[in-house]
PDB file of N, CA and C in Angstrom:
ATOM      1  N   GLY A   1       0.807  -1.175   0.000  1.00  0.00           N
ATOM      2  CA  GLY A   1       0.000   0.000   0.000  1.00  0.00           C
ATOM      3  C   GLY A   1       0.852   1.241   0.000  1.00  0.00           C
ATOM      4  N   LYS A   2       0.266   2.300  -0.427  1.00  0.00           N
ATOM      5  CA  LYS A   2       0.936   3.592  -0.439  1.00  0.00           C
ATOM      6  C   LYS A   2       0.324   4.467   0.638  1.00  0.00           C
ATOM      7  N   SER A   3       1.124   5.358   1.183  1.00  0.00           N
ATOM      8  CA  SER A   3       0.602   6.276   2.187  1.00  0.00           C
ATOM      9  C   SER A   3       1.207   7.646   1.966  1.00  0.00           C
ATOM     10  N   SER A   4       0.537   8.650   2.480  1.00  0.00           N
ATOM     11  CA  SER A   4       0.987  10.033   2.369  1.00  0.00           C
ATOM     12  C   SER A   4       0.694  10.745   3.675  1.00  0.00           C
ATOM     13  N   VAL A   5       1.408  11.814   3.922  1.00  0.00           N
ATOM     14  CA  VAL A   5       1.145  12.663   5.077  1.00  0.00           C
ATOM     15  C   VAL A   5       0.666  14.001   4.544  1.00  0.00           C
ATOM     16  N   VAL A   6      -0.488  14.441   5.022  1.00  0.00           N
ATOM     17  CA  VAL A   6      -1.073  15.696   4.578  1.00  0.00           C
ATOM     18  C   VAL A   6      -1.321  16.551   5.804  1.00  0.00           C
ATOM     19  N   SER A   7      -0.980  17.815   5.722  1.00  0.00           N
ATOM     20  CA  SER A   7      -1.220  18.749   6.822  1.00  0.00           C
ATOM     21  C   SER A   7      -2.227  19.795   6.355  1.00  0.00           C
ATOM     22  N   LEU A   8      -3.211  20.083   7.183  1.00  0.00           N
ATOM     23  CA  LEU A   8      -4.180  21.111   6.838  1.00  0.00           C
ATOM     24  C   LEU A   8      -4.675  21.790   8.097  1.00  0.00           C
ATOM     25  N   ARG A   9      -5.260  22.937   7.924  1.00  0.00           N
ATOM     26  CA  ARG A   9      -5.819  23.697   9.042  1.00  0.00           C
ATOM     27  C   ARG A   9      -7.318  23.853   8.794  1.00  0.00           C
ATOM     28  N   LEU A  10      -8.120  23.476   9.787  1.00  0.00           N
ATOM     29  CA  LEU A  10      -9.569  23.560   9.670  1.00  0.00           C
ATOM     30  C   LEU A  10     -10.087  24.846  10.285  1.00  0.00           C
ATOM     31  N   SER A  11     -11.212  25.311   9.752  1.00  0.00           N
ATOM     32  CA  SER A  11     -11.882  26.447  10.375  1.00  0.00           C
ATOM     33  C   SER A  11     -12.411  25.976  11.732  1.00  0.00           C
ATOM     34  N   PRO A  12     -12.672  26.894  12.664  1.00  0.00           N
ATOM     35  CA  PRO A  12     -13.188  26.475  13.980  1.00  0.00           C
ATOM     36  C   PRO A  12     -14.467  25.634  13.876  1.00  0.00           C
ATOM     37  N   GLU A  13     -15.355  25.971  12.926  1.00  0.00           N
ATOM     38  CA  GLU A  13     -16.595  25.212  12.773  1.00  0.00           C
ATOM     39  C   GLU A  13     -16.320  23.783  12.303  1.00  0.00           C
ATOM     40  N   HIS A  14     -15.425  23.636  11.333  1.00  0.00           N
ATOM     41  CA  HIS A  14     -15.099  22.303  10.835  1.00  0.00           C
ATOM     42  C   HIS A  14     -14.306  21.503  11.876  1.00  0.00           C
ATOM     43  N   GLU A  15     -13.445  22.181  12.618  1.00  0.00           N
ATOM     44  CA  GLU A  15     -12.671  21.481  13.643  1.00  0.00           C
ATOM     45  C   GLU A  15     -13.593  20.928  14.726  1.00  0.00           C
ATOM     46  N   GLU A  16     -14.601  21.695  15.102  1.00  0.00           N
ATOM     47  CA  GLU A  16     -15.556  21.230  16.112  1.00  0.00           C
ATOM     48  C   GLU A  16     -16.239  19.948  15.649  1.00  0.00           C
ATOM     49  N   GLY A  17     -16.636  19.900  14.384  1.00  0.00           N
ATOM     50  CA  GLY A  17     -17.259  18.691  13.848  1.00  0.00           C
ATOM     51  C   GLY A  17     -16.279  17.540  13.768  1.00  0.00           C
ATOM     52  N   ALA A  18     -15.040  17.826  13.403  1.00  0.00           N
ATOM     53  CA  ALA A  18     -14.028  16.778  13.263  1.00  0.00           C
ATOM     54  C   ALA A  18     -13.704  16.142  14.606  1.00  0.00           C
ATOM     55  N   LEU A  19     -13.793  16.896  15.679  1.00  0.00           N
ATOM     56  CA  LEU A  19     -13.485  16.358  17.000  1.00  0.00           C
ATOM     57  C   LEU A  19     -14.545  15.377  17.479  1.00  0.00           C
ATOM     58  N   ARG A  20     -15.691  15.320  16.782  1.00  0.00           N
ATOM     59  CA  ARG A  20     -16.765  14.402  17.159  1.00  0.00           C
ATOM     60  C   ARG A  20     -16.733  13.102  16.363  1.00  0.00           C
ATOM     61  N   VAL A  21     -15.738  12.924  15.523  1.00  0.00           N
ATOM     62  CA  VAL A  21     -15.648  11.717  14.702  1.00  0.00           C
ATOM     63  C   VAL A  21     -15.062  10.578  15.526  1.00  0.00           C
ATOM     64  N   ALA A  22     -15.694   9.435  15.483  1.00  0.00           N
ATOM     65  CA  ALA A  22     -15.169   8.245  16.159  1.00  0.00           C
ATOM     66  C   ALA A  22     -14.330   7.451  15.164  1.00  0.00           C
ATOM     67  N   ALA A  23     -13.194   6.977  15.596  1.00  0.00           N
ATOM     68  CA  ALA A  23     -12.314   6.199  14.720  1.00  0.00           C
ATOM     69  C   ALA A  23     -11.980   4.873  15.381  1.00  0.00           C
ATOM     70  N   PHE A  24     -11.827   3.852  14.565  1.00  0.00           N
ATOM     71  CA  PHE A  24     -11.382   2.561  15.072  1.00  0.00           C
ATOM     72  C   PHE A  24     -10.630   1.830  13.973  1.00  0.00           C
ATOM     73  N   LEU A  25      -9.858   0.847  14.382  1.00  0.00           N
ATOM     74  CA  LEU A  25      -9.120   0.010  13.434  1.00  0.00           C
ATOM     75  C   LEU A  25      -9.881  -1.287  13.234  1.00  0.00           C
ATOM     76  N   ILE A  26      -9.937  -1.740  11.997  1.00  0.00           N
ATOM     77  CA  ILE A  26     -10.528  -3.039  11.706  1.00  0.00           C
ATOM     78  C   ILE A  26      -9.482  -3.858  10.964  1.00  0.00           C
ATOM     79  N   SER A  27      -9.413  -5.125  11.279  1.00  0.00           N
ATOM     80  CA  SER A  27      -8.381  -5.972  10.671  1.00  0.00           C
ATOM     81  C   SER A  27      -8.991  -6.894   9.623  1.00  0.00           C
ATOM     82  N   TYR A  28      -8.159  -7.321   8.707  1.00  0.00           N
ATOM     83  CA  TYR A  28      -8.568  -8.215   7.627  1.00  0.00           C
ATOM     84  C   TYR A  28      -8.078  -9.630   7.880  1.00  0.00           C
ATOM     85  N   TYR A  29      -8.100 -10.089   9.106  1.00  0.00           N
ATOM     86  CA  TYR A  29      -7.629 -11.426   9.436  1.00  0.00           C
ATOM     87  C   TYR A  29      -8.737 -12.464   9.338  1.00  0.00           C
ATOM     88  N   GLY A  30      -9.928 -12.066   8.964  1.00  0.00           N
ATOM     89  CA  GLY A  30     -11.039 -13.003   8.896  1.00  0.00           C
ATOM     90  C   GLY A  30     -11.754 -13.163  10.221  1.00  0.00           C
ATOM     91  N   THR A  31     -11.465 -12.304  11.181  1.00  0.00           N
ATOM     92  CA  THR A  31     -12.141 -12.341  12.473  1.00  0.00           C
ATOM     93  C   THR A  31     -12.853 -11.019  12.688  1.00  0.00           C
ATOM     94  N   GLU A  32     -13.595 -10.922  13.747  1.00  0.00           N
ATOM     95  CA  GLU A  32     -14.333  -9.700  14.054  1.00  0.00           C
ATOM     96  C   GLU A  32     -13.625  -8.856  15.103  1.00  0.00           C
ATOM     97  N   ASN A  33     -12.317  -8.985  15.230  1.00  0.00           N
ATOM     98  CA  ASN A  33     -11.564  -8.204  16.210  1.00  0.00           C
ATOM     99  C   ASN A  33     -11.523  -6.745  15.790  1.00  0.00           C
ATOM    100  N   VAL A  34     -11.894  -5.861  16.694  1.00  0.00           N
ATOM    101  CA  VAL A  34     -11.855  -4.424  16.439  1.00  0.00           C
ATOM    102  C   VAL A  34     -11.070  -3.783  17.567  1.00  0.00           C
ATOM    103  N   SER A  35     -10.137  -2.890  17.227  1.00  0.00           N
ATOM    104  CA  SER A  35      -9.331  -2.184  18.221  1.00  0.00           C
ATOM    105  C   SER A  35      -9.701  -0.714  18.186  1.00  0.00           C
ATOM    106  N   GLY A  36      -9.784  -0.086  19.351  1.00  0.00           N
ATOM    107  CA  GLY A  36      -9.985   1.344  19.395  1.00  0.00           C
ATOM    108  C   GLY A  36      -8.756   2.064  18.850  1.00  0.00           C
ATOM    109  N   ALA A  37      -8.947   3.270  18.345  1.00  0.00           N
ATOM    110  CA  ALA A  37      -7.835   4.018  17.757  1.00  0.00           C
ATOM    111  C   ALA A  37      -6.774   4.357  18.798  1.00  0.00           C
ATOM    112  N   GLY A  38      -7.131   4.393  20.083  1.00  0.00           N
ATOM    113  CA  GLY A  38      -6.171   4.695  21.132  1.00  0.00           C
ATOM    114  C   GLY A  38      -5.480   3.467  21.697  1.00  0.00           C
ATOM    115  N   GLU A  39      -5.833   2.293  21.197  1.00  0.00           N
ATOM    116  CA  GLU A  39      -5.247   1.044  21.679  1.00  0.00           C
ATOM    117  C   GLU A  39      -4.102   0.606  20.769  1.00  0.00           C
ATOM    118  N   PRO A  40      -3.202  -0.219  21.280  1.00  0.00           N
ATOM    119  CA  PRO A  40      -2.137  -0.737  20.416  1.00  0.00           C
ATOM    120  C   PRO A  40      -2.724  -1.545  19.262  1.00  0.00           C
ATOM    121  N   ALA A  41      -2.099  -1.436  18.098  1.00  0.00           N
ATOM    122  CA  ALA A  41      -2.542  -2.200  16.931  1.00  0.00           C
ATOM    123  C   ALA A  41      -2.159  -3.660  17.110  1.00  0.00           C
ATOM    124  N   PRO A  42      -2.926  -4.555  16.493  1.00  0.00           N
ATOM    125  CA  PRO A  42      -2.527  -5.962  16.512  1.00  0.00           C
ATOM    126  C   PRO A  42      -1.191  -6.137  15.787  1.00  0.00           C
ATOM    127  N   THR A  43      -0.715  -7.354  15.724  1.00  0.00           N
ATOM    128  CA  THR A  43       0.550  -7.641  15.054  1.00  0.00           C
ATOM    129  C   THR A  43       0.571  -7.036  13.656  1.00  0.00           C
ATOM    130  N   ILE A  44       1.650  -6.340  13.329  1.00  0.00           N
ATOM    131  CA  ILE A  44       1.804  -5.745  12.001  1.00  0.00           C
ATOM    132  C   ILE A  44       2.491  -6.761  11.097  1.00  0.00           C
ATOM    133  N   THR A  45       1.920  -6.986   9.918  1.00  0.00           N
ATOM    134  CA  THR A  45       2.496  -7.926   8.962  1.00  0.00           C
ATOM    135  C   THR A  45       3.026  -7.165   7.754  1.00  0.00           C
ATOM    136  N   THR A  46       3.580  -7.877   6.807  1.00  0.00           N
ATOM    137  CA  THR A  46       4.092  -7.234   5.592  1.00  0.00           C
ATOM    138  C   THR A  46       2.986  -6.944   4.596  1.00  0.00           C
ATOM    139  N   LYS A  47       1.777  -7.401   4.870  1.00  0.00           N
ATOM    140  CA  LYS A  47       0.638  -7.132   3.994  1.00  0.00           C
ATOM    141  C   LYS A  47      -0.290  -6.140   4.681  1.00  0.00           C
ATOM    142  N   ASP A  48      -1.061  -5.396   3.869  1.00  0.00           N
ATOM    143  CA  ASP A  48      -2.041  -4.465   4.422  1.00  0.00           C
ATOM    144  C   ASP A  48      -3.150  -5.259   5.097  1.00  0.00           C
ATOM    145  N   ARG A  49      -3.213  -5.188   6.422  1.00  0.00           N
ATOM    146  CA  ARG A  49      -4.204  -5.954   7.174  1.00  0.00           C
ATOM    147  C   ARG A  49      -5.085  -5.078   8.063  1.00  0.00           C
ATOM    148  N   LEU A  50      -4.801  -3.792   8.157  1.00  0.00           N
ATOM    149  CA  LEU A  50      -5.570  -2.902   9.019  1.00  0.00           C
ATOM    150  C   LEU A  50      -6.162  -1.762   8.206  1.00  0.00           C
ATOM    151  N   ALA A  51      -7.354  -1.322   8.592  1.00  0.00           N
ATOM    152  CA  ALA A  51      -7.979  -0.156   7.976  1.00  0.00           C
ATOM    153  C   ALA A  51      -8.437   0.771   9.093  1.00  0.00           C
ATOM    154  N   LEU A  52      -8.244   2.071   8.902  1.00  0.00           N
ATOM    155  CA  LEU A  52      -8.745   3.073   9.839  1.00  0.00           C
ATOM    156  C   LEU A  52     -10.120   3.499   9.359  1.00  0.00           C
ATOM    157  N   VAL A  53     -11.130   3.284  10.182  1.00  0.00           N
ATOM    158  CA  VAL A  53     -12.506   3.616   9.839  1.00  0.00           C
ATOM    159  C   VAL A  53     -12.922   4.813  10.674  1.00  0.00           C
ATOM    160  N   THR A  54     -13.432   5.852  10.007  1.00  0.00           N
ATOM    161  CA  THR A  54     -13.903   7.050  10.716  1.00  0.00           C
ATOM    162  C   THR A  54     -15.332   7.332  10.348  1.00  0.00           C
TER     163      THR A  54
END
């Protein structure tokens, strides 16, 4: 997979809405394990196995 880092500044109104977004990690291991975004990620492999859902 490819990744990028993007920096931006939100208006106060948009930032307020963005702070209400819930995020979690979901894995592609064939199980229903879900980790909170503030928790350690499961084992990292050489293949893309995690997705950030917001």
